[in-house]
Amino acid sequence: MENIETKAKQLGLDKGYYLLLMAILEESEEAIELPLAC
């Protein structure tokens, strides 16, 4: 059960980061040429 919960949390975080990244790119299309400081 712990493995399933951990995997779900990891997938949730991955999805959250992906959605956040897409939102940032959509809002700053003019700054796409700038390097991402991650």
Foldseek 3Di string as FASTA:
>chain_A
DVVVVVVVVVVVVVVVVVVVVVVVCVVPVVCPPPDDPD
